[in-house]
Amino acid sequence: MHKPSQKHVAGFFLSLAAAILWGVIPIALKELLAGMDATTIVWYRFIVAGLALWLWLGLTRKLPSKNRF
């Protein structure tokens, strides 16, 4: 039978961080839309998220092999 892990504190802080970031997005977008169009903002968000994921997977040595592409 599956035994759930007891990581309540980590889960709490991760959900708190997600709630804070979702609350900051409208404020940041209001300021950013004054100087950029929406398409540019979306591309910057994707690029930053992709680089962060690549860095995280590289540091944890879990990058997929190039042969799989």
N, C-alpha and C. Protein backbone atom coordinates (compact mmCIF):
# COMPACT_ATOMS: atom_id res chain seq x y z
N MET A 1 0.83 -1.17 0.00
CA MET A 1 0.00 0.00 0.00
C MET A 1 0.88 1.24 0.00
N HIS A 2 0.44 2.28 -0.68
CA HIS A 2 1.20 3.52 -0.79
C HIS A 2 1.17 4.29 0.52
N LYS A 3 2.33 4.73 0.95
CA LYS A 3 2.44 5.51 2.18
C LYS A 3 2.75 6.95 1.80
N PRO A 4 1.85 7.90 2.06
CA PRO A 4 2.11 9.29 1.67
C PRO A 4 3.26 9.90 2.47
N SER A 5 4.01 10.76 1.78
CA SER A 5 5.13 11.40 2.47
C SER A 5 4.60 12.55 3.33
N GLN A 6 5.34 12.89 4.35
CA GLN A 6 4.95 13.93 5.30
C GLN A 6 5.73 15.21 5.01
N LYS A 7 5.41 15.86 3.90
CA LYS A 7 6.09 17.10 3.54
C LYS A 7 5.08 18.24 3.51
N HIS A 8 4.36 18.40 4.61
CA HIS A 8 3.33 19.42 4.68
C HIS A 8 3.90 20.83 4.64
N VAL A 9 5.03 21.03 5.28
CA VAL A 9 5.62 22.37 5.34
C VAL A 9 6.08 22.81 3.95
N ALA A 10 6.74 21.91 3.24
CA ALA A 10 7.18 22.25 1.89
C ALA A 10 5.98 22.52 0.98
N GLY A 11 4.95 21.73 1.10
CA GLY A 11 3.75 21.94 0.31
C GLY A 11 3.08 23.26 0.62
N PHE A 12 3.07 23.62 1.89
CA PHE A 12 2.48 24.90 2.29
C PHE A 12 3.24 26.06 1.68
N PHE A 13 4.57 26.03 1.76
CA PHE A 13 5.35 27.14 1.23
C PHE A 13 5.32 27.20 -0.29
N LEU A 14 5.25 26.05 -0.96
CA LEU A 14 5.12 26.06 -2.41
C LEU A 14 3.77 26.63 -2.84
N SER A 15 2.70 26.27 -2.13
CA SER A 15 1.39 26.82 -2.47
C SER A 15 1.32 28.31 -2.14
N LEU A 16 1.99 28.72 -1.07
CA LEU A 16 2.05 30.14 -0.72
C LEU A 16 2.80 30.93 -1.79
N ALA A 17 3.90 30.38 -2.27
CA ALA A 17 4.66 31.05 -3.34
C ALA A 17 3.82 31.15 -4.61
N ALA A 18 3.09 30.10 -4.95
CA ALA A 18 2.24 30.14 -6.14
C ALA A 18 1.14 31.19 -6.00
N ALA A 19 0.54 31.28 -4.83
CA ALA A 19 -0.52 32.28 -4.61
C ALA A 19 0.04 33.70 -4.70
N ILE A 20 1.22 33.91 -4.17
CA ILE A 20 1.83 35.24 -4.23
C ILE A 20 2.16 35.60 -5.68
N LEU A 21 2.73 34.65 -6.43
CA LEU A 21 3.08 34.94 -7.81
C LEU A 21 1.84 35.20 -8.66
N TRP A 22 0.76 34.45 -8.43
CA TRP A 22 -0.49 34.70 -9.17
C TRP A 22 -1.06 36.06 -8.80
N GLY A 23 -0.81 36.53 -7.59
CA GLY A 23 -1.28 37.85 -7.20
C GLY A 23 -0.46 38.97 -7.78
N VAL A 24 0.82 38.72 -8.04
CA VAL A 24 1.71 39.73 -8.57
C VAL A 24 1.56 39.89 -10.08
N ILE A 25 1.14 38.84 -10.77
CA ILE A 25 1.07 38.87 -12.24
C ILE A 25 0.22 40.03 -12.76
N PRO A 26 -1.01 40.26 -12.26
CA PRO A 26 -1.79 41.38 -12.82
C PRO A 26 -1.13 42.74 -12.61
N ILE A 27 -0.48 42.92 -11.48
CA ILE A 27 0.20 44.19 -11.21
C ILE A 27 1.38 44.37 -12.16
N ALA A 28 2.16 43.32 -12.35
CA ALA A 28 3.30 43.40 -13.25
C ALA A 28 2.85 43.60 -14.69
N LEU A 29 1.79 42.90 -15.09
CA LEU A 29 1.32 43.03 -16.47
C LEU A 29 0.78 44.43 -16.75
N LYS A 30 0.15 45.04 -15.77
CA LYS A 30 -0.37 46.40 -15.96
C LYS A 30 0.77 47.36 -16.27
N GLU A 31 1.87 47.21 -15.58
CA GLU A 31 3.03 48.08 -15.82
C GLU A 31 3.73 47.72 -17.13
N LEU A 32 3.85 46.41 -17.40
CA LEU A 32 4.57 45.99 -18.61
C LEU A 32 3.82 46.34 -19.88
N LEU A 33 2.50 46.27 -19.85
CA LEU A 33 1.71 46.54 -21.06
C LEU A 33 1.79 47.99 -21.49
N ALA A 34 2.25 48.86 -20.61
CA ALA A 34 2.42 50.26 -20.99
C ALA A 34 3.59 50.42 -21.97
N GLY A 35 4.56 49.53 -21.91
CA GLY A 35 5.74 49.66 -22.76
C GLY A 35 5.94 48.56 -23.77
N MET A 36 5.24 47.43 -23.63
CA MET A 36 5.41 46.29 -24.53
C MET A 36 4.05 45.77 -24.97
N ASP A 37 4.04 45.06 -26.09
CA ASP A 37 2.79 44.42 -26.49
C ASP A 37 2.70 43.04 -25.82
N ALA A 38 1.52 42.48 -25.83
CA ALA A 38 1.26 41.23 -25.10
C ALA A 38 2.06 40.06 -25.66
N THR A 39 2.24 40.01 -26.97
CA THR A 39 2.98 38.90 -27.58
C THR A 39 4.43 38.89 -27.10
N THR A 40 5.05 40.03 -27.01
CA THR A 40 6.43 40.12 -26.54
C THR A 40 6.53 39.66 -25.09
N ILE A 41 5.59 40.04 -24.27
CA ILE A 41 5.59 39.64 -22.86
C ILE A 41 5.47 38.12 -22.74
N VAL A 42 4.59 37.53 -23.54
CA VAL A 42 4.41 36.07 -23.51
C VAL A 42 5.70 35.37 -23.92
N TRP A 43 6.36 35.86 -24.96
CA TRP A 43 7.61 35.24 -25.39
C TRP A 43 8.70 35.36 -24.33
N TYR A 44 8.79 36.50 -23.68
CA TYR A 44 9.77 36.64 -22.59
C TYR A 44 9.46 35.67 -21.45
N ARG A 45 8.19 35.50 -21.12
CA ARG A 45 7.82 34.57 -20.05
C ARG A 45 8.20 33.14 -20.41
N PHE A 46 7.95 32.73 -21.67
CA PHE A 46 8.31 31.38 -22.10
C PHE A 46 9.82 31.18 -22.11
N ILE A 47 10.55 32.17 -22.56
CA ILE A 47 12.01 32.06 -22.61
C ILE A 47 12.59 31.95 -21.21
N VAL A 48 12.13 32.79 -20.29
CA VAL A 48 12.63 32.74 -18.91
C VAL A 48 12.27 31.41 -18.26
N ALA A 49 11.03 30.93 -18.47
CA ALA A 49 10.63 29.64 -17.89
C ALA A 49 11.45 28.49 -18.49
N GLY A 50 11.70 28.54 -19.79
CA GLY A 50 12.50 27.49 -20.43
C GLY A 50 13.94 27.49 -19.93
N LEU A 51 14.52 28.67 -19.79
CA LEU A 51 15.89 28.74 -19.26
C LEU A 51 15.96 28.28 -17.81
N ALA A 52 14.96 28.63 -17.01
CA ALA A 52 14.95 28.19 -15.62
C ALA A 52 14.83 26.67 -15.54
N LEU A 53 13.96 26.09 -16.39
CA LEU A 53 13.82 24.63 -16.40
C LEU A 53 15.09 23.96 -16.87
N TRP A 54 15.72 24.50 -17.91
CA TRP A 54 16.96 23.93 -18.41
C TRP A 54 18.06 23.99 -17.35
N LEU A 55 18.14 25.11 -16.64
CA LEU A 55 19.13 25.25 -15.58
C LEU A 55 18.87 24.27 -14.44
N TRP A 56 17.61 24.15 -14.03
CA TRP A 56 17.26 23.23 -12.95
C TRP A 56 17.58 21.78 -13.33
N LEU A 57 17.18 21.37 -14.53
CA LEU A 57 17.45 20.00 -14.96
C LEU A 57 18.95 19.77 -15.14
N GLY A 58 19.67 20.78 -15.57
CA GLY A 58 21.11 20.64 -15.71
C GLY A 58 21.81 20.50 -14.37
N LEU A 59 21.38 21.28 -13.39
CA LEU A 59 22.00 21.20 -12.06
C LEU A 59 21.69 19.88 -11.36
N THR A 60 20.51 19.34 -11.61
CA THR A 60 20.15 18.05 -10.99
C THR A 60 20.54 16.86 -11.86
N ARG A 61 21.20 17.14 -12.98
CA ARG A 61 21.67 16.12 -13.92
C ARG A 61 20.53 15.23 -14.42
N LYS A 62 19.42 15.86 -14.76
CA LYS A 62 18.26 15.11 -15.28
C LYS A 62 17.86 15.59 -16.67
N LEU A 63 18.78 16.24 -17.37
CA LEU A 63 18.49 16.66 -18.73
C LEU A 63 18.31 15.43 -19.61
N PRO A 64 17.33 15.43 -20.51
CA PRO A 64 17.18 14.29 -21.41
C PRO A 64 18.35 14.25 -22.39
N SER A 65 18.65 13.05 -22.89
CA SER A 65 19.75 12.92 -23.82
C SER A 65 19.39 13.54 -25.15
N LYS A 66 20.40 13.96 -25.90
CA LYS A 66 20.17 14.59 -27.19
C LYS A 66 19.64 13.60 -28.20
N ASN A 67 19.89 12.31 -28.00
CA ASN A 67 19.42 11.29 -28.93
C ASN A 67 17.91 11.15 -28.91
N ARG A 68 17.27 11.52 -27.82
CA ARG A 68 15.81 11.40 -27.73
C ARG A 68 15.10 12.45 -28.57
N PHE A 69 15.82 13.52 -28.93
CA PHE A 69 15.20 14.56 -29.75
C PHE A 69 15.27 14.14 -31.19
